[in-house]
Amino acid sequence: RAFAGLVDKEKDESEEVITGFANYATI
């Protein structure tokens, strides 16, 4: 669970937390 910061639209839409885990987790 990781919310939007509502400051930087591009950063929020990159979904860096969820995407990062999906890219590098093996589960």
PDB file of all heavy atoms in Angstrom:
ATOM      1  N   ARG A   1       0.867  -1.188   0.000  1.00  0.00           N
ATOM      2  CA  ARG A   1       0.000   0.000   0.000  1.00  0.00           C
ATOM      3  C   ARG A   1       0.897   1.228   0.000  1.00  0.00           C
ATOM      4  O   ARG A   1       1.686   1.433   0.926  1.00  0.00           O
ATOM      5  CB  ARG A   1      -0.887  -0.012   1.236  1.00  0.00           C
ATOM      6  CG  ARG A   1      -1.903   1.143   1.331  1.00  0.00           C
ATOM      7  CD  ARG A   1      -2.761   0.913   2.570  1.00  0.00           C
ATOM      8  NE  ARG A   1      -3.766   1.922   2.825  1.00  0.00           N
ATOM      9  CZ  ARG A   1      -5.014   1.906   2.362  1.00  0.00           C
ATOM     10  NH1 ARG A   1      -5.390   0.917   1.554  1.00  0.00           N
ATOM     11  NH2 ARG A   1      -5.881   2.845   2.667  1.00  0.00           N
ATOM     12  N   ALA A   2       0.778   2.046  -1.045  1.00  0.00           N
ATOM     13  CA  ALA A   2       1.612   3.243  -1.172  1.00  0.00           C
ATOM     14  C   ALA A   2       0.841   4.312  -1.938  1.00  0.00           C
ATOM     15  O   ALA A   2       0.572   4.150  -3.128  1.00  0.00           O
ATOM     16  CB  ALA A   2       2.920   2.914  -1.894  1.00  0.00           C
ATOM     17  N   PHE A   3       0.474   5.386  -1.259  1.00  0.00           N
ATOM     18  CA  PHE A   3      -0.393   6.416  -1.824  1.00  0.00           C
ATOM     19  C   PHE A   3       0.349   7.370  -2.766  1.00  0.00           C
ATOM     20  O   PHE A   3       1.579   7.471  -2.745  1.00  0.00           O
ATOM     21  CB  PHE A   3      -1.004   7.269  -0.713  1.00  0.00           C
ATOM     22  CG  PHE A   3      -2.001   6.564   0.162  1.00  0.00           C
ATOM     23  CD1 PHE A   3      -2.460   7.180   1.312  1.00  0.00           C
ATOM     24  CD2 PHE A   3      -2.486   5.315  -0.155  1.00  0.00           C
ATOM     25  CE1 PHE A   3      -3.373   6.563   2.136  1.00  0.00           C
ATOM     26  CE2 PHE A   3      -3.408   4.670   0.660  1.00  0.00           C
ATOM     27  CZ  PHE A   3      -3.855   5.301   1.809  1.00  0.00           C
ATOM     28  N   ALA A   4      -0.457   8.117  -3.515  1.00  0.00           N
ATOM     29  CA  ALA A   4       0.063   9.215  -4.328  1.00  0.00           C
ATOM     30  C   ALA A   4       0.522  10.367  -3.439  1.00  0.00           C
ATOM     31  O   ALA A   4      -0.079  10.637  -2.392  1.00  0.00           O
ATOM     32  CB  ALA A   4      -1.023   9.718  -5.274  1.00  0.00           C
ATOM     33  N   GLY A   5       1.564  11.049  -3.874  1.00  0.00           N
ATOM     34  CA  GLY A   5       2.020  12.241  -3.163  1.00  0.00           C
ATOM     35  C   GLY A   5       1.226  13.479  -3.525  1.00  0.00           C
ATOM     36  O   GLY A   5       1.219  14.468  -2.790  1.00  0.00           O
ATOM     37  N   LEU A   6       0.562  13.442  -4.706  1.00  0.00           N
ATOM     38  CA  LEU A   6      -0.266  14.536  -5.220  1.00  0.00           C
ATOM     39  C   LEU A   6       0.504  15.843  -5.426  1.00  0.00           C
ATOM     40  O   LEU A   6      -0.062  16.923  -5.367  1.00  0.00           O
ATOM     41  CB  LEU A   6      -1.478  14.793  -4.308  1.00  0.00           C
ATOM     42  CG  LEU A   6      -2.521  13.678  -4.267  1.00  0.00           C
ATOM     43  CD1 LEU A   6      -3.646  14.042  -3.294  1.00  0.00           C
ATOM     44  CD2 LEU A   6      -3.088  13.396  -5.662  1.00  0.00           C
ATOM     45  N   VAL A   7       1.791  15.724  -5.688  1.00  0.00           N
ATOM     46  CA  VAL A   7       2.627  16.878  -6.006  1.00  0.00           C
ATOM     47  C   VAL A   7       3.173  16.754  -7.423  1.00  0.00           C
ATOM     48  O   VAL A   7       3.084  17.685  -8.224  1.00  0.00           O
ATOM     49  CB  VAL A   7       3.788  17.013  -4.992  1.00  0.00           C
ATOM     50  CG1 VAL A   7       4.723  18.150  -5.407  1.00  0.00           C
ATOM     51  CG2 VAL A   7       3.259  17.245  -3.578  1.00  0.00           C
ATOM     52  N   ASP A   8       3.715  15.592  -7.733  1.00  0.00           N
ATOM     53  CA  ASP A   8       4.348  15.335  -9.024  1.00  0.00           C
ATOM     54  C   ASP A   8       3.520  14.287  -9.768  1.00  0.00           C
ATOM     55  O   ASP A   8       3.591  13.098  -9.451  1.00  0.00           O
ATOM     56  CB  ASP A   8       5.781  14.844  -8.792  1.00  0.00           C
ATOM     57  CG  ASP A   8       6.573  14.662 -10.072  1.00  0.00           C
ATOM     58  OD1 ASP A   8       5.967  14.366 -11.115  1.00  0.00           O
ATOM     59  OD2 ASP A   8       7.816  14.783 -10.021  1.00  0.00           O
ATOM     60  N   LYS A   9       2.727  14.720 -10.744  1.00  0.00           N
ATOM     61  CA  LYS A   9       1.847  13.805 -11.467  1.00  0.00           C
ATOM     62  C   LYS A   9       2.639  12.689 -12.156  1.00  0.00           C
ATOM     63  O   LYS A   9       2.256  11.511 -12.095  1.00  0.00           O
ATOM     64  CB  LYS A   9       1.024  14.567 -12.498  1.00  0.00           C
ATOM     65  CG  LYS A   9       0.020  13.691 -13.247  1.00  0.00           C
ATOM     66  CD  LYS A   9      -0.600  14.388 -14.449  1.00  0.00           C
ATOM     67  CE  LYS A   9      -1.483  15.550 -14.052  1.00  0.00           C
ATOM     68  NZ  LYS A   9      -2.218  16.116 -15.231  1.00  0.00           N
ATOM     69  N   GLU A  10       3.725  13.056 -12.808  1.00  0.00           N
ATOM     70  CA  GLU A  10       4.522  12.066 -13.542  1.00  0.00           C
ATOM     71  C   GLU A  10       5.081  11.001 -12.592  1.00  0.00           C
ATOM     72  O   GLU A  10       5.046   9.805 -12.885  1.00  0.00           O
ATOM     73  CB  GLU A  10       5.662  12.763 -14.286  1.00  0.00           C
ATOM     74  CG  GLU A  10       6.478  11.819 -15.162  1.00  0.00           C
ATOM     75  CD  GLU A  10       7.545  12.546 -15.959  1.00  0.00           C
ATOM     76  OE1 GLU A  10       7.468  13.786 -16.067  1.00  0.00           O
ATOM     77  OE2 GLU A  10       8.460  11.869 -16.459  1.00  0.00           O
ATOM     78  N   LYS A  11       5.556  11.438 -11.435  1.00  0.00           N
ATOM     79  CA  LYS A  11       6.094  10.498 -10.455  1.00  0.00           C
ATOM     80  C   LYS A  11       4.993   9.580  -9.933  1.00  0.00           C
ATOM     81  O   LYS A  11       5.184   8.359  -9.835  1.00  0.00           O
ATOM     82  CB  LYS A  11       6.737  11.255  -9.295  1.00  0.00           C
ATOM     83  CG  LYS A  11       7.338  10.350  -8.220  1.00  0.00           C
ATOM     84  CD  LYS A  11       7.974  11.172  -7.103  1.00  0.00           C
ATOM     85  CE  LYS A  11       8.546  10.266  -6.015  1.00  0.00           C
ATOM     86  NZ  LYS A  11       9.143  11.055  -4.915  1.00  0.00           N
ATOM     87  N   ASP A  12       3.834  10.147  -9.612  1.00  0.00           N
ATOM     88  CA  ASP A  12       2.730   9.326  -9.119  1.00  0.00           C
ATOM     89  C   ASP A  12       2.300   8.306 -10.163  1.00  0.00           C
ATOM     90  O   ASP A  12       2.072   7.133  -9.843  1.00  0.00           O
ATOM     91  CB  ASP A  12       1.536  10.206  -8.731  1.00  0.00           C
ATOM     92  CG  ASP A  12       1.745  10.927  -7.401  1.00  0.00           C
ATOM     93  OD1 ASP A  12       2.673  10.557  -6.663  1.00  0.00           O
ATOM     94  OD2 ASP A  12       0.970  11.864  -7.117  1.00  0.00           O
ATOM     95  N   GLU A  13       2.187   8.734 -11.406  1.00  0.00           N
ATOM     96  CA  GLU A  13       1.706   7.831 -12.438  1.00  0.00           C
ATOM     97  C   GLU A  13       2.746   6.782 -12.831  1.00  0.00           C
ATOM     98  O   GLU A  13       2.393   5.770 -13.443  1.00  0.00           O
ATOM     99  CB  GLU A  13       1.243   8.619 -13.656  1.00  0.00           C
ATOM    100  CG  GLU A  13      -0.006   9.448 -13.347  1.00  0.00           C
ATOM    101  CD  GLU A  13      -0.662  10.051 -14.560  1.00  0.00           C
ATOM    102  OE1 GLU A  13       0.043  10.242 -15.588  1.00  0.00           O
ATOM    103  OE2 GLU A  13      -1.873  10.333 -14.499  1.00  0.00           O
ATOM    104  N   SER A  14       3.995   6.987 -12.452  1.00  0.00           N
ATOM    105  CA  SER A  14       5.015   5.961 -12.691  1.00  0.00           C
ATOM    106  C   SER A  14       4.866   4.789 -11.728  1.00  0.00           C
ATOM    107  O   SER A  14       5.425   3.720 -11.948  1.00  0.00           O
ATOM    108  CB  SER A  14       6.422   6.563 -12.554  1.00  0.00           C
ATOM    109  OG  SER A  14       6.742   6.803 -11.180  1.00  0.00           O
ATOM    110  N   GLU A  15       4.094   4.995 -10.637  1.00  0.00           N
ATOM    111  CA  GLU A  15       3.841   3.927  -9.658  1.00  0.00           C
ATOM    112  C   GLU A  15       5.154   3.270  -9.218  1.00  0.00           C
ATOM    113  O   GLU A  15       5.297   2.045  -9.241  1.00  0.00           O
ATOM    114  CB  GLU A  15       2.914   2.870 -10.261  1.00  0.00           C
ATOM    115  CG  GLU A  15       1.519   3.352 -10.589  1.00  0.00           C
ATOM    116  CD  GLU A  15       0.587   3.275  -9.396  1.00  0.00           C
ATOM    117  OE1 GLU A  15       1.034   3.644  -8.298  1.00  0.00           O
ATOM    118  OE2 GLU A  15      -0.565   2.880  -9.561  1.00  0.00           O
ATOM    119  N   GLU A  16       6.118   4.092  -8.769  1.00  0.00           N
ATOM    120  CA  GLU A  16       7.462   3.570  -8.549  1.00  0.00           C
ATOM    121  C   GLU A  16       7.533   2.479  -7.486  1.00  0.00           C
ATOM    122  O   GLU A  16       8.348   1.560  -7.588  1.00  0.00           O
ATOM    123  CB  GLU A  16       8.435   4.706  -8.209  1.00  0.00           C
ATOM    124  CG  GLU A  16       8.120   5.473  -6.944  1.00  0.00           C
ATOM    125  CD  GLU A  16       9.122   6.588  -6.670  1.00  0.00           C
ATOM    126  OE1 GLU A  16       9.934   6.888  -7.568  1.00  0.00           O
ATOM    127  OE2 GLU A  16       9.090   7.137  -5.564  1.00  0.00           O
ATOM    128  N   VAL A  17       6.676   2.536  -6.463  1.00  0.00           N
ATOM    129  CA  VAL A  17       6.735   1.514  -5.407  1.00  0.00           C
ATOM    130  C   VAL A  17       6.188   0.189  -5.920  1.00  0.00           C
ATOM    131  O   VAL A  17       6.877  -0.839  -5.902  1.00  0.00           O
ATOM    132  CB  VAL A  17       5.963   1.971  -4.151  1.00  0.00           C
ATOM    133  CG1 VAL A  17       6.034   0.887  -3.074  1.00  0.00           C
ATOM    134  CG2 VAL A  17       6.521   3.280  -3.614  1.00  0.00           C
ATOM    135  N   ILE A  18       4.930   0.192  -6.384  1.00  0.00           N
ATOM    136  CA  ILE A  18       4.309  -1.032  -6.883  1.00  0.00           C
ATOM    137  C   ILE A  18       5.077  -1.588  -8.078  1.00  0.00           C
ATOM    138  O   ILE A  18       5.359  -2.789  -8.163  1.00  0.00           O
ATOM    139  CB  ILE A  18       2.847  -0.762  -7.279  1.00  0.00           C
ATOM    140  CG1 ILE A  18       2.001  -0.506  -6.030  1.00  0.00           C
ATOM    141  CG2 ILE A  18       2.269  -1.911  -8.093  1.00  0.00           C
ATOM    142  CD1 ILE A  18       1.682  -1.732  -5.216  1.00  0.00           C
ATOM    143  N   THR A  19       5.430  -0.713  -9.022  1.00  0.00           N
ATOM    144  CA  THR A  19       6.146  -1.143 -10.216  1.00  0.00           C
ATOM    145  C   THR A  19       7.517  -1.695  -9.865  1.00  0.00           C
ATOM    146  O   THR A  19       7.966  -2.700 -10.422  1.00  0.00           O
ATOM    147  CB  THR A  19       6.285   0.016 -11.218  1.00  0.00           C
ATOM    148  OG1 THR A  19       4.985   0.486 -11.573  1.00  0.00           O
ATOM    149  CG2 THR A  19       7.017  -0.423 -12.470  1.00  0.00           C
ATOM    150  N   GLY A  20       8.188  -1.038  -8.919  1.00  0.00           N
ATOM    151  CA  GLY A  20       9.501  -1.504  -8.497  1.00  0.00           C
ATOM    152  C   GLY A  20       9.453  -2.909  -7.921  1.00  0.00           C
ATOM    153  O   GLY A  20      10.275  -3.771  -8.263  1.00  0.00           O
ATOM    154  N   PHE A  21       8.485  -3.151  -7.053  1.00  0.00           N
ATOM    155  CA  PHE A  21       8.349  -4.500  -6.488  1.00  0.00           C
ATOM    156  C   PHE A  21       7.958  -5.507  -7.554  1.00  0.00           C
ATOM    157  O   PHE A  21       8.473  -6.636  -7.586  1.00  0.00           O
ATOM    158  CB  PHE A  21       7.347  -4.501  -5.339  1.00  0.00           C
ATOM    159  CG  PHE A  21       7.952  -4.156  -4.010  1.00  0.00           C
ATOM    160  CD1 PHE A  21       7.978  -2.835  -3.562  1.00  0.00           C
ATOM    161  CD2 PHE A  21       8.518  -5.132  -3.205  1.00  0.00           C
ATOM    162  CE1 PHE A  21       8.546  -2.505  -2.336  1.00  0.00           C
ATOM    163  CE2 PHE A  21       9.095  -4.816  -1.983  1.00  0.00           C
ATOM    164  CZ  PHE A  21       9.110  -3.500  -1.541  1.00  0.00           C
ATOM    165  N   ALA A  22       7.046  -5.135  -8.453  1.00  0.00           N
ATOM    166  CA  ALA A  22       6.639  -6.065  -9.507  1.00  0.00           C
ATOM    167  C   ALA A  22       7.810  -6.400 -10.426  1.00  0.00           C
ATOM    168  O   ALA A  22       7.921  -7.527 -10.918  1.00  0.00           O
ATOM    169  CB  ALA A  22       5.491  -5.469 -10.310  1.00  0.00           C
ATOM    170  N   ASN A  23       8.701  -5.440 -10.654  1.00  0.00           N
ATOM    171  CA  ASN A  23       9.852  -5.665 -11.536  1.00  0.00           C
ATOM    172  C   ASN A  23      10.918  -6.543 -10.901  1.00  0.00           C
ATOM    173  O   ASN A  23      11.546  -7.355 -11.587  1.00  0.00           O
ATOM    174  CB  ASN A  23      10.481  -4.328 -11.940  1.00  0.00           C
ATOM    175  CG  ASN A  23       9.664  -3.578 -12.968  1.00  0.00           C
ATOM    176  OD1 ASN A  23       8.819  -4.163 -13.636  1.00  0.00           O
ATOM    177  ND2 ASN A  23       9.892  -2.277 -13.091  1.00  0.00           N
ATOM    178  N   TYR A  24      11.148  -6.376  -9.592  1.00  0.00           N
ATOM    179  CA  TYR A  24      12.304  -7.022  -8.968  1.00  0.00           C
ATOM    180  C   TYR A  24      11.973  -8.148  -8.000  1.00  0.00           C
ATOM    181  O   TYR A  24      12.838  -8.957  -7.673  1.00  0.00           O
ATOM    182  CB  TYR A  24      13.158  -5.962  -8.254  1.00  0.00           C
ATOM    183  CG  TYR A  24      13.693  -4.913  -9.194  1.00  0.00           C
ATOM    184  CD1 TYR A  24      13.283  -3.582  -9.093  1.00  0.00           C
ATOM    185  CD2 TYR A  24      14.568  -5.246 -10.222  1.00  0.00           C
ATOM    186  CE1 TYR A  24      13.751  -2.610  -9.968  1.00  0.00           C
ATOM    187  CE2 TYR A  24      15.038  -4.294 -11.101  1.00  0.00           C
ATOM    188  CZ  TYR A  24      14.631  -2.979 -10.971  1.00  0.00           C
ATOM    189  OH  TYR A  24      15.099  -2.027 -11.847  1.00  0.00           O
ATOM    190  N   ALA A  25      10.719  -8.240  -7.559  1.00  0.00           N
ATOM    191  CA  ALA A  25      10.341  -9.358  -6.690  1.00  0.00           C
ATOM    192  C   ALA A  25      10.219 -10.626  -7.531  1.00  0.00           C
ATOM    193  O   ALA A  25       9.893 -10.581  -8.721  1.00  0.00           O
ATOM    194  CB  ALA A  25       9.025  -9.059  -5.983  1.00  0.00           C
ATOM    195  N   THR A  26      10.460 -11.749  -6.909  1.00  0.00           N
ATOM    196  CA  THR A  26      10.313 -13.037  -7.593  1.00  0.00           C
ATOM    197  C   THR A  26       9.062 -13.771  -7.110  1.00  0.00           C
ATOM    198  O   THR A  26       8.909 -14.966  -7.350  1.00  0.00           O
ATOM    199  CB  THR A  26      11.559 -13.907  -7.355  1.00  0.00           C
ATOM    200  OG1 THR A  26      11.774 -14.051  -5.938  1.00  0.00           O
ATOM    201  CG2 THR A  26      12.794 -13.268  -7.972  1.00  0.00           C
ATOM    202  N   ILE A  27       8.173 -13.046  -6.434  1.00  0.00           N
ATOM    203  CA  ILE A  27       6.917 -13.578  -5.927  1.00  0.00           C
ATOM    204  C   ILE A  27       5.773 -12.683  -6.398  1.00  0.00           C
ATOM    205  O   ILE A  27       6.008 -11.551  -6.840  1.00  0.00           O
ATOM    206  CB  ILE A  27       6.926 -13.660  -4.378  1.00  0.00           C
ATOM    207  CG1 ILE A  27       7.196 -12.273  -3.766  1.00  0.00           C
ATOM    208  CG2 ILE A  27       7.950 -14.677  -3.901  1.00  0.00           C
ATOM    209  CD1 ILE A  27       7.129 -12.232  -2.241  1.00  0.00           C
TER     210      ILE A  27
END
